[in-house]
N, C-alpha and C. Protein backbone atom coordinates (compact mmCIF):
# COMPACT_ATOMS: atom_id res chain seq x y z
N MET A 1 100.42 109.05 66.58
CA MET A 1 100.22 107.79 67.18
C MET A 1 98.98 106.99 66.54
N LYS A 2 97.78 107.85 66.34
CA LYS A 2 96.64 107.38 65.77
C LYS A 2 96.95 106.99 64.28
N GLU A 3 97.82 107.83 63.62
CA GLU A 3 98.01 107.53 62.15
C GLU A 3 98.76 106.26 61.97
N SER A 4 99.68 106.00 62.88
CA SER A 4 100.45 104.81 62.69
C SER A 4 99.62 103.54 63.07
N PHE A 5 98.83 103.58 63.98
CA PHE A 5 97.87 102.53 64.32
C PHE A 5 96.93 102.26 63.14
N ILE A 6 96.45 103.24 62.66
CA ILE A 6 95.43 103.19 61.43
C ILE A 6 96.25 102.54 60.23
N LEU A 7 97.49 103.03 59.96
CA LEU A 7 98.35 102.58 58.94
C LEU A 7 98.61 101.02 59.24
N CYS A 8 98.97 100.82 60.41
CA CYS A 8 99.20 99.28 60.72
C CYS A 8 98.05 98.36 60.41
N MET A 9 96.88 98.83 60.95
CA MET A 9 95.60 98.10 60.75
C MET A 9 95.30 97.81 59.27
N ALA A 10 95.52 99.06 58.57
CA ALA A 10 95.20 98.93 57.08
C ALA A 10 96.18 97.94 56.47
N PHE A 11 97.49 98.03 56.80
CA PHE A 11 98.32 97.01 56.30
C PHE A 11 97.98 95.63 56.54
N ILE A 12 97.50 95.35 57.76
CA ILE A 12 97.37 93.95 58.16
C ILE A 12 95.99 93.41 57.50
N ILE A 13 94.93 94.29 57.27
CA ILE A 13 93.68 93.90 56.65
C ILE A 13 93.96 93.68 55.02
N LEU A 14 94.82 94.59 54.56
CA LEU A 14 95.11 94.46 53.10
C LEU A 14 95.86 93.15 52.84
N ASN A 15 96.76 92.85 53.71
CA ASN A 15 97.40 91.53 53.49
C ASN A 15 96.61 90.23 53.67
N ASN A 16 95.65 90.45 54.71
CA ASN A 16 94.71 89.29 54.92
C ASN A 16 93.69 89.17 53.70
N VAL A 17 93.31 90.21 53.17
CA VAL A 17 92.27 90.31 52.11
C VAL A 17 92.83 89.70 50.85
N SER A 18 93.86 90.33 50.46
CA SER A 18 94.59 90.07 49.09
C SER A 18 95.26 88.73 49.23
N GLY A 19 95.86 88.52 50.44
CA GLY A 19 96.59 87.35 50.63
C GLY A 19 97.23 86.58 49.43
N ILE A 20 98.35 85.97 49.92
CA ILE A 20 99.04 85.16 48.91
C ILE A 20 98.31 83.78 48.75
N CYS A 21 98.56 83.10 47.67
CA CYS A 21 97.78 81.89 47.51
C CYS A 21 98.25 80.79 48.38
N GLU A 22 97.60 80.60 49.49
CA GLU A 22 97.91 79.63 50.44
C GLU A 22 96.95 78.46 50.30
N ARG A 23 97.52 77.21 50.22
CA ARG A 23 96.71 76.04 50.25
C ARG A 23 96.09 75.64 51.62
N PRO A 24 94.92 75.41 51.71
CA PRO A 24 94.32 75.08 53.08
C PRO A 24 94.96 73.83 53.68
N ASN A 25 95.14 73.72 55.03
CA ASN A 25 95.65 72.57 55.51
C ASN A 25 94.81 71.30 55.35
N THR A 26 93.53 71.51 55.27
CA THR A 26 92.56 70.33 55.02
C THR A 26 92.91 69.72 53.72
N MET A 27 93.33 70.56 52.71
CA MET A 27 93.76 70.07 51.36
C MET A 27 95.03 69.22 51.37
N THR A 28 96.06 69.88 52.01
CA THR A 28 97.38 69.25 52.10
C THR A 28 97.23 67.92 52.99
N GLU A 29 96.46 68.12 54.03
CA GLU A 29 96.26 66.73 54.95
C GLU A 29 95.60 65.60 54.07
N ALA A 30 94.72 66.11 53.32
CA ALA A 30 93.98 64.97 52.49
C ALA A 30 94.98 64.34 51.38
N GLU A 31 95.70 65.30 50.82
CA GLU A 31 96.61 64.76 49.89
C GLU A 31 97.77 63.96 50.60
N ASP A 32 98.23 64.31 51.62
CA ASP A 32 99.23 63.43 52.46
C ASP A 32 98.66 62.12 52.70
N GLY A 33 97.45 62.11 53.29
CA GLY A 33 96.89 60.81 53.65
C GLY A 33 96.69 60.00 52.48
N CYS A 34 96.12 60.61 51.40
CA CYS A 34 95.83 59.80 50.25
C CYS A 34 97.16 59.33 49.57
N TRP A 35 98.12 60.19 49.60
CA TRP A 35 99.46 59.79 48.96
C TRP A 35 99.87 58.49 49.68
N THR A 36 99.76 58.45 51.02
CA THR A 36 100.20 57.29 51.76
C THR A 36 99.30 56.06 51.55
N LYS A 37 97.95 56.22 51.56
CA LYS A 37 96.99 55.11 51.30
C LYS A 37 96.95 54.60 49.84
N LYS A 38 97.07 55.50 48.84
CA LYS A 38 96.73 55.19 47.42
C LYS A 38 97.98 55.08 46.53
N VAL A 39 98.99 55.62 46.88
CA VAL A 39 100.11 55.67 45.80
C VAL A 39 101.03 54.53 46.27
N GLU A 40 101.40 53.71 45.44
CA GLU A 40 102.26 52.49 45.71
C GLU A 40 103.59 53.05 45.99
N ILE A 41 104.43 52.14 46.78
CA ILE A 41 105.73 52.56 47.28
C ILE A 41 106.72 52.89 46.27
N ILE A 42 106.55 52.06 45.07
CA ILE A 42 107.60 52.39 44.15
C ILE A 42 107.32 53.52 43.32
N ASP A 43 106.00 54.02 43.34
CA ASP A 43 105.87 55.24 42.68
C ASP A 43 106.13 56.43 43.59
N ARG A 44 106.09 56.25 44.92
CA ARG A 44 106.51 57.23 45.85
C ARG A 44 108.04 57.45 45.66
N ILE A 45 108.70 56.42 45.67
CA ILE A 45 110.18 56.42 45.64
C ILE A 45 110.62 57.17 44.32
N GLN A 46 110.00 56.81 43.14
CA GLN A 46 110.34 57.32 41.89
C GLN A 46 110.07 58.76 41.94
N TYR A 47 108.94 59.20 42.54
CA TYR A 47 108.49 60.63 42.54
C TYR A 47 109.61 61.50 43.53
N SER A 48 109.86 60.70 44.65
CA SER A 48 110.74 61.57 45.56
C SER A 48 112.16 61.57 44.99
N THR A 49 112.70 60.57 44.28
CA THR A 49 113.83 60.67 43.66
C THR A 49 113.89 61.81 42.64
N LYS A 50 112.93 61.85 41.88
CA LYS A 50 112.83 62.85 40.80
C LYS A 50 112.74 64.20 41.43
N SER A 51 112.26 64.39 42.52
CA SER A 51 112.28 65.80 43.40
C SER A 51 113.52 65.96 43.83
N VAL A 52 114.37 65.12 44.32
CA VAL A 52 115.58 65.32 44.81
C VAL A 52 116.58 65.70 43.60
N LEU A 53 116.42 65.00 42.52
CA LEU A 53 117.17 65.29 41.47
C LEU A 53 116.92 66.68 40.81
N ASN A 54 115.74 67.09 40.90
CA ASN A 54 115.22 68.36 40.36
C ASN A 54 115.89 69.52 41.29
N PHE A 55 115.77 69.10 42.57
CA PHE A 55 116.31 70.14 43.52
C PHE A 55 117.93 70.43 43.21
N ALA A 56 118.65 69.35 43.08
CA ALA A 56 120.09 69.28 42.81
C ALA A 56 120.30 70.11 41.47
N ARG A 57 119.47 69.87 40.41
CA ARG A 57 119.70 70.43 39.15
C ARG A 57 119.45 71.83 39.13
N LYS A 58 118.40 72.24 39.98
CA LYS A 58 118.18 73.68 40.05
C LYS A 58 119.21 74.51 40.83
N LYS A 59 119.93 73.81 41.96
CA LYS A 59 120.81 74.35 42.64
C LYS A 59 122.19 74.53 41.77
N LEU A 60 122.56 73.57 40.78
CA LEU A 60 123.58 73.68 39.93
C LEU A 60 123.32 74.55 38.72
N GLY A 61 122.08 75.01 38.53
CA GLY A 61 121.82 75.93 37.47
C GLY A 61 121.38 75.13 36.10
N PHE A 62 121.04 73.82 36.14
CA PHE A 62 120.55 73.04 35.21
C PHE A 62 119.07 73.08 35.01
N SER A 63 118.67 72.67 33.81
CA SER A 63 117.13 72.89 33.65
C SER A 63 116.60 71.70 34.57
N VAL A 64 115.24 71.98 35.05
CA VAL A 64 114.61 71.08 35.98
C VAL A 64 113.54 70.38 34.99
N GLU A 65 113.50 69.07 35.27
CA GLU A 65 112.56 68.13 34.61
C GLU A 65 111.27 68.29 35.34
N GLU A 66 110.21 68.57 34.56
CA GLU A 66 108.75 68.60 35.05
C GLU A 66 108.35 67.33 35.51
N GLN A 67 107.51 67.30 36.53
CA GLN A 67 106.92 66.11 36.87
C GLN A 67 105.40 66.06 36.48
N ASN A 68 105.25 65.81 35.19
CA ASN A 68 103.84 65.93 34.78
C ASN A 68 103.07 64.55 34.72
N THR A 69 103.50 63.60 35.50
CA THR A 69 102.79 62.35 35.29
C THR A 69 101.72 62.36 36.55
N PRO A 70 100.48 62.23 36.15
CA PRO A 70 99.44 62.31 37.29
C PRO A 70 99.43 61.07 38.05
N GLN A 71 98.90 61.13 39.19
CA GLN A 71 98.82 59.92 40.09
C GLN A 71 97.67 59.05 39.46
N LYS A 72 97.49 57.80 39.94
CA LYS A 72 96.34 56.98 39.63
C LYS A 72 94.96 57.71 40.04
N CYS A 73 94.02 57.34 39.28
CA CYS A 73 92.62 57.98 39.58
C CYS A 73 92.24 57.88 41.07
N GLU A 74 92.68 56.71 41.64
CA GLU A 74 92.22 56.35 43.12
C GLU A 74 92.77 57.56 44.13
N TYR A 75 93.91 58.08 43.81
CA TYR A 75 94.50 59.06 44.68
C TYR A 75 93.56 60.44 44.64
N TYR A 76 93.13 60.70 43.44
CA TYR A 76 92.26 62.00 43.38
C TYR A 76 90.81 61.63 43.91
N GLN A 77 90.45 60.49 43.61
CA GLN A 77 89.18 60.09 44.32
C GLN A 77 89.19 60.05 45.80
N CYS A 78 90.41 59.69 46.39
CA CYS A 78 90.65 59.74 47.82
C CYS A 78 90.54 60.99 48.22
N ILE A 79 91.19 62.06 47.55
CA ILE A 79 91.06 63.42 48.14
C ILE A 79 89.71 63.92 48.15
N PHE A 80 89.03 63.83 47.15
CA PHE A 80 87.49 64.24 47.08
C PHE A 80 86.77 63.60 48.12
N ASN A 81 86.98 62.27 48.38
CA ASN A 81 86.35 61.51 49.39
C ASN A 81 86.64 62.21 50.89
N ASP A 82 87.88 62.42 51.04
CA ASP A 82 88.38 62.85 52.37
C ASP A 82 87.81 64.20 52.59
N LEU A 83 87.78 65.09 51.62
CA LEU A 83 87.22 66.41 51.85
C LEU A 83 85.64 66.47 51.74
N LYS A 84 85.04 65.24 51.61
CA LYS A 84 83.63 65.18 51.56
C LYS A 84 82.92 65.99 50.58
N MET A 85 83.45 65.77 49.21
CA MET A 85 82.99 66.60 48.21
C MET A 85 82.25 65.58 47.13
N LEU A 86 81.93 64.48 47.56
CA LEU A 86 81.22 63.66 46.72
C LEU A 86 79.83 63.35 47.01
N ASN A 87 78.94 63.04 46.00
CA ASN A 87 77.61 62.76 46.26
C ASN A 87 77.49 61.13 46.55
N GLY A 88 76.28 60.74 46.76
CA GLY A 88 76.13 59.28 47.08
C GLY A 88 76.48 58.35 46.02
N ASN A 89 76.63 58.76 44.83
CA ASN A 89 77.05 57.93 43.67
C ASN A 89 78.50 58.02 43.44
N GLY A 90 79.14 58.85 44.23
CA GLY A 90 80.77 59.04 44.10
C GLY A 90 81.21 60.01 43.01
N TYR A 91 80.25 60.92 42.72
CA TYR A 91 80.69 61.97 41.67
C TYR A 91 80.74 63.32 42.36
N PRO A 92 81.36 64.28 41.81
CA PRO A 92 81.57 65.58 42.40
C PRO A 92 80.33 66.21 42.88
N ASN A 93 80.08 66.72 44.06
CA ASN A 93 78.92 67.38 44.50
C ASN A 93 79.25 68.81 44.45
N TYR A 94 78.50 69.48 43.69
CA TYR A 94 78.75 71.00 43.48
C TYR A 94 78.53 71.75 44.77
N ASP A 95 77.44 71.38 45.38
CA ASP A 95 77.14 72.16 46.81
C ASP A 95 78.17 71.94 47.74
N GLN A 96 78.66 70.68 47.97
CA GLN A 96 79.64 70.28 48.93
C GLN A 96 81.00 71.06 48.62
N ILE A 97 81.34 71.16 47.38
CA ILE A 97 82.53 71.73 46.84
C ILE A 97 82.52 73.21 47.26
N VAL A 98 81.30 73.88 46.88
CA VAL A 98 81.18 75.35 47.19
C VAL A 98 81.27 75.51 48.68
N HIS A 99 80.61 74.58 49.51
CA HIS A 99 80.81 74.78 50.94
C HIS A 99 82.15 74.60 51.44
N TRP A 100 82.99 73.77 50.77
CA TRP A 100 84.50 73.63 51.33
C TRP A 100 85.17 74.99 50.87
N ILE A 101 84.87 75.41 49.67
CA ILE A 101 85.53 76.58 49.12
C ILE A 101 85.15 77.85 50.10
N ASP A 102 83.91 77.84 50.49
CA ASP A 102 83.42 79.00 51.31
C ASP A 102 84.27 78.96 52.68
N ASN A 103 84.50 77.76 53.33
CA ASN A 103 85.18 77.70 54.60
C ASN A 103 86.65 77.63 54.49
N ASN A 104 87.24 77.42 53.35
CA ASN A 104 88.71 77.16 53.31
C ASN A 104 89.54 78.15 52.47
N ILE A 105 88.82 78.88 51.70
CA ILE A 105 89.67 79.75 50.72
C ILE A 105 89.38 81.27 50.81
N ILE A 106 90.39 81.90 50.86
CA ILE A 106 90.26 83.47 50.86
C ILE A 106 89.47 83.92 49.70
N TYR A 107 88.63 84.98 49.91
CA TYR A 107 87.55 85.38 49.05
C TYR A 107 88.16 85.67 47.61
N ASN A 108 89.41 86.47 47.49
CA ASN A 108 89.89 86.92 46.26
C ASN A 108 90.15 85.61 45.38
N HIS A 109 90.75 84.68 45.97
CA HIS A 109 91.03 83.39 45.24
C HIS A 109 89.77 82.53 45.05
N ALA A 110 88.95 82.60 45.98
CA ALA A 110 87.71 81.78 45.79
C ALA A 110 86.87 82.35 44.56
N LYS A 111 86.89 83.55 44.23
CA LYS A 111 86.12 84.08 43.13
C LYS A 111 86.57 83.21 41.78
N GLU A 112 87.81 83.24 41.72
CA GLU A 112 88.34 82.50 40.41
C GLU A 112 87.99 80.94 40.42
N ILE A 113 88.12 80.48 41.52
CA ILE A 113 87.74 78.92 41.70
C ILE A 113 86.26 78.73 41.51
N TYR A 114 85.52 79.51 42.13
CA TYR A 114 84.10 79.43 41.89
C TYR A 114 83.79 79.47 40.27
N GLU A 115 84.32 80.32 39.65
CA GLU A 115 84.13 80.49 38.14
C GLU A 115 84.66 79.15 37.39
N ARG A 116 85.72 78.66 37.88
CA ARG A 116 86.23 77.50 37.18
C ARG A 116 85.42 76.23 37.66
N LEU A 117 84.93 76.27 38.91
CA LEU A 117 84.05 75.10 39.41
C LEU A 117 82.81 75.12 38.49
N ASN A 118 82.13 76.24 38.24
CA ASN A 118 81.06 76.34 37.36
C ASN A 118 81.36 75.87 36.07
N SER A 119 82.42 76.17 35.37
CA SER A 119 82.78 75.71 34.09
C SER A 119 83.00 74.18 33.98
N CYS A 120 83.64 73.73 35.05
CA CYS A 120 83.87 72.26 35.15
C CYS A 120 82.58 71.53 35.36
N ASN A 121 81.69 71.88 36.24
CA ASN A 121 80.48 71.28 36.57
C ASN A 121 79.61 71.31 35.35
N ARG A 122 79.46 72.49 34.58
CA ARG A 122 78.71 72.58 33.35
C ARG A 122 79.26 71.58 32.35
N ALA A 123 80.57 71.54 32.22
CA ALA A 123 81.21 70.55 31.22
C ALA A 123 80.93 69.14 31.42
N LEU A 124 81.00 68.88 32.88
CA LEU A 124 80.70 67.49 33.35
C LEU A 124 79.21 67.17 33.01
N SER A 125 78.37 68.00 33.32
CA SER A 125 76.94 67.74 32.99
C SER A 125 76.62 67.48 31.57
N GLU A 126 77.19 68.44 30.76
CA GLU A 126 77.11 68.30 29.39
C GLU A 126 77.64 66.99 28.73
N SER A 127 78.69 66.52 29.19
CA SER A 127 79.42 65.20 28.68
C SER A 127 78.48 64.20 29.13
N ILE A 128 77.94 64.07 30.38
CA ILE A 128 76.98 63.00 30.68
C ILE A 128 75.66 62.95 29.80
N SER A 129 75.00 64.23 29.63
CA SER A 129 73.94 64.23 28.92
C SER A 129 74.05 63.99 27.41
N ASN A 130 75.27 64.24 26.94
CA ASN A 130 75.55 63.93 25.49
C ASN A 130 76.27 62.66 25.27
N ASN A 131 76.35 61.86 26.34
CA ASN A 131 77.07 60.48 26.36
C ASN A 131 78.60 60.61 25.79
N GLN A 132 79.36 61.56 26.24
CA GLN A 132 80.59 61.80 25.91
C GLN A 132 81.44 61.66 27.23
N TYR A 133 82.78 61.27 26.94
CA TYR A 133 83.62 61.20 28.02
C TYR A 133 84.09 62.63 28.44
N PHE A 134 84.08 62.76 29.72
CA PHE A 134 84.32 64.09 30.35
C PHE A 134 85.92 64.29 30.40
N THR A 135 86.52 65.39 29.95
CA THR A 135 87.90 65.57 30.02
C THR A 135 88.10 66.91 30.70
N GLY A 136 89.09 66.89 31.61
CA GLY A 136 89.45 68.16 32.37
C GLY A 136 89.94 69.34 31.58
N ASP A 137 90.44 69.11 30.45
CA ASP A 137 90.87 70.12 29.48
C ASP A 137 89.67 70.54 28.81
N LEU A 138 89.10 71.77 29.28
CA LEU A 138 87.73 72.15 28.56
C LEU A 138 87.92 72.64 27.14
N ASN A 139 89.02 72.85 26.76
CA ASN A 139 89.41 73.35 25.39
C ASN A 139 89.51 72.25 24.30
N SER A 140 89.55 70.95 24.83
CA SER A 140 89.72 69.82 23.86
C SER A 140 88.40 69.42 23.51
N THR A 141 88.35 68.58 22.41
CA THR A 141 87.22 68.05 21.97
C THR A 141 86.80 66.80 22.76
N LEU A 142 85.48 66.80 23.16
CA LEU A 142 85.08 65.66 23.83
C LEU A 142 84.94 64.52 22.89
N GLN A 143 85.33 63.34 23.44
CA GLN A 143 85.24 62.02 22.61
C GLN A 143 83.90 61.50 22.76
N ASP A 144 83.27 61.05 21.54
CA ASP A 144 82.06 60.35 21.60
C ASP A 144 82.21 59.10 22.37
N ASN A 145 81.21 58.59 22.89
CA ASN A 145 81.16 57.14 23.51
C ASN A 145 80.24 56.13 22.68
N PRO A 146 80.92 55.65 21.66
CA PRO A 146 80.07 54.82 20.83
C PRO A 146 79.76 53.46 21.37
N THR A 147 80.55 52.99 22.47
CA THR A 147 80.11 51.76 23.17
C THR A 147 79.06 51.84 24.15
N ASN A 148 78.75 53.16 24.53
CA ASN A 148 77.78 53.48 25.50
C ASN A 148 78.25 52.95 26.96
N GLU A 149 79.66 52.77 27.11
CA GLU A 149 80.26 52.26 28.19
C GLU A 149 80.37 53.56 29.22
N LEU A 150 79.95 53.46 30.46
CA LEU A 150 80.09 54.62 31.27
C LEU A 150 81.65 54.85 31.57
N GLN A 151 82.01 56.10 31.72
CA GLN A 151 83.27 56.54 32.14
C GLN A 151 83.25 56.17 33.58
N SER A 152 84.27 55.64 34.16
CA SER A 152 84.27 55.32 35.65
C SER A 152 84.27 56.54 36.55
N THR A 153 83.72 56.47 37.65
CA THR A 153 83.64 57.64 38.62
C THR A 153 85.01 57.99 38.93
N CYS A 154 86.01 57.00 39.10
CA CYS A 154 87.41 57.23 39.42
C CYS A 154 87.96 58.18 38.27
N ASP A 155 87.90 57.67 37.01
CA ASP A 155 88.39 58.55 35.82
C ASP A 155 87.84 59.95 35.90
N THR A 156 86.46 60.05 36.07
CA THR A 156 85.82 61.22 36.07
C THR A 156 86.27 62.22 37.13
N LEU A 157 86.60 61.71 38.25
CA LEU A 157 87.17 62.51 39.32
C LEU A 157 88.60 62.91 39.04
N GLN A 158 89.44 62.16 38.44
CA GLN A 158 90.70 62.53 38.04
C GLN A 158 90.61 63.73 36.99
N GLU A 159 89.62 63.66 36.11
CA GLU A 159 89.57 64.66 35.07
C GLU A 159 88.92 65.96 35.72
N PHE A 160 88.09 65.84 36.74
CA PHE A 160 87.50 66.93 37.42
C PHE A 160 88.64 67.62 38.29
N MET A 161 89.48 66.94 38.91
CA MET A 161 90.57 67.51 39.52
C MET A 161 91.50 68.32 38.54
N LYS A 162 91.75 67.71 37.50
CA LYS A 162 92.51 68.36 36.41
C LYS A 162 91.76 69.66 35.98
N CYS A 163 90.61 69.55 35.76
CA CYS A 163 89.82 70.73 35.40
C CYS A 163 89.75 71.91 36.41
N LEU A 164 89.66 71.58 37.73
CA LEU A 164 89.72 72.55 38.83
C LEU A 164 90.96 73.07 39.01
N SER A 165 92.13 72.40 38.60
CA SER A 165 93.50 72.92 38.82
C SER A 165 93.89 74.00 37.88
N ILE A 166 93.10 74.28 36.90
CA ILE A 166 93.62 75.22 35.87
C ILE A 166 93.08 76.66 36.30
N VAL A 167 93.86 77.12 37.28
CA VAL A 167 93.52 78.57 37.87
C VAL A 167 94.84 79.18 38.20
N ASN A 168 94.94 80.43 38.56
CA ASN A 168 96.12 81.01 39.09
C ASN A 168 96.46 80.59 40.41
N CYS A 169 95.54 80.60 41.25
CA CYS A 169 95.72 80.09 42.69
C CYS A 169 95.26 78.67 42.75
N GLN A 170 96.30 77.75 42.45
CA GLN A 170 96.09 76.28 42.32
C GLN A 170 95.90 75.60 43.72
N ILE A 171 94.62 75.66 44.17
CA ILE A 171 94.21 75.00 45.41
C ILE A 171 94.19 73.52 45.09
N PHE A 172 93.52 73.06 44.09
CA PHE A 172 93.42 71.73 43.61
C PHE A 172 94.58 71.62 42.69
N ARG A 173 95.32 70.46 42.95
CA ARG A 173 96.66 70.18 42.05
C ARG A 173 96.39 69.12 41.31
N PHE A 174 96.91 69.22 40.13
CA PHE A 174 96.99 68.12 39.10
C PHE A 174 98.14 68.43 38.12
N PRO A 175 98.95 67.49 37.83
CA PRO A 175 99.26 66.19 38.44
C PRO A 175 99.97 66.42 39.83
């Protein structure tokens, strides 16, 4: 009797600690709200139609067309804003993002996201100090900014979301 109780508890604990990659409700709620507020109706219809066609293709054994078109930057800006991850200037706030991760993501997955957040934050800081456009693909060459024109906060947030999405447990999604 004791052995089965201990075995059951160990199983429950292991499942909760290792856990599958589940996206927090706060993230999906923010995405849904921003989808409604920031994505134009024609884009939503096009996206939904593509999803239905992909579902049918998959059921029929045909290849599925990837939906790689990112939303407009206002959509990603809305998500960061709704999750209270921005500083007073509208840029990603490292401490607020860490706080959100601490409170919403299982530890095993959080470790990888913390590492990615550090890389993204470091790259964003370097791009600002070197007057280069920030790009979410950290492997690509940063583009110089010869006009000294600032990259918009909206574009920066879109690239930051792209950067954060490049992990195994994709809590932050792009596109």
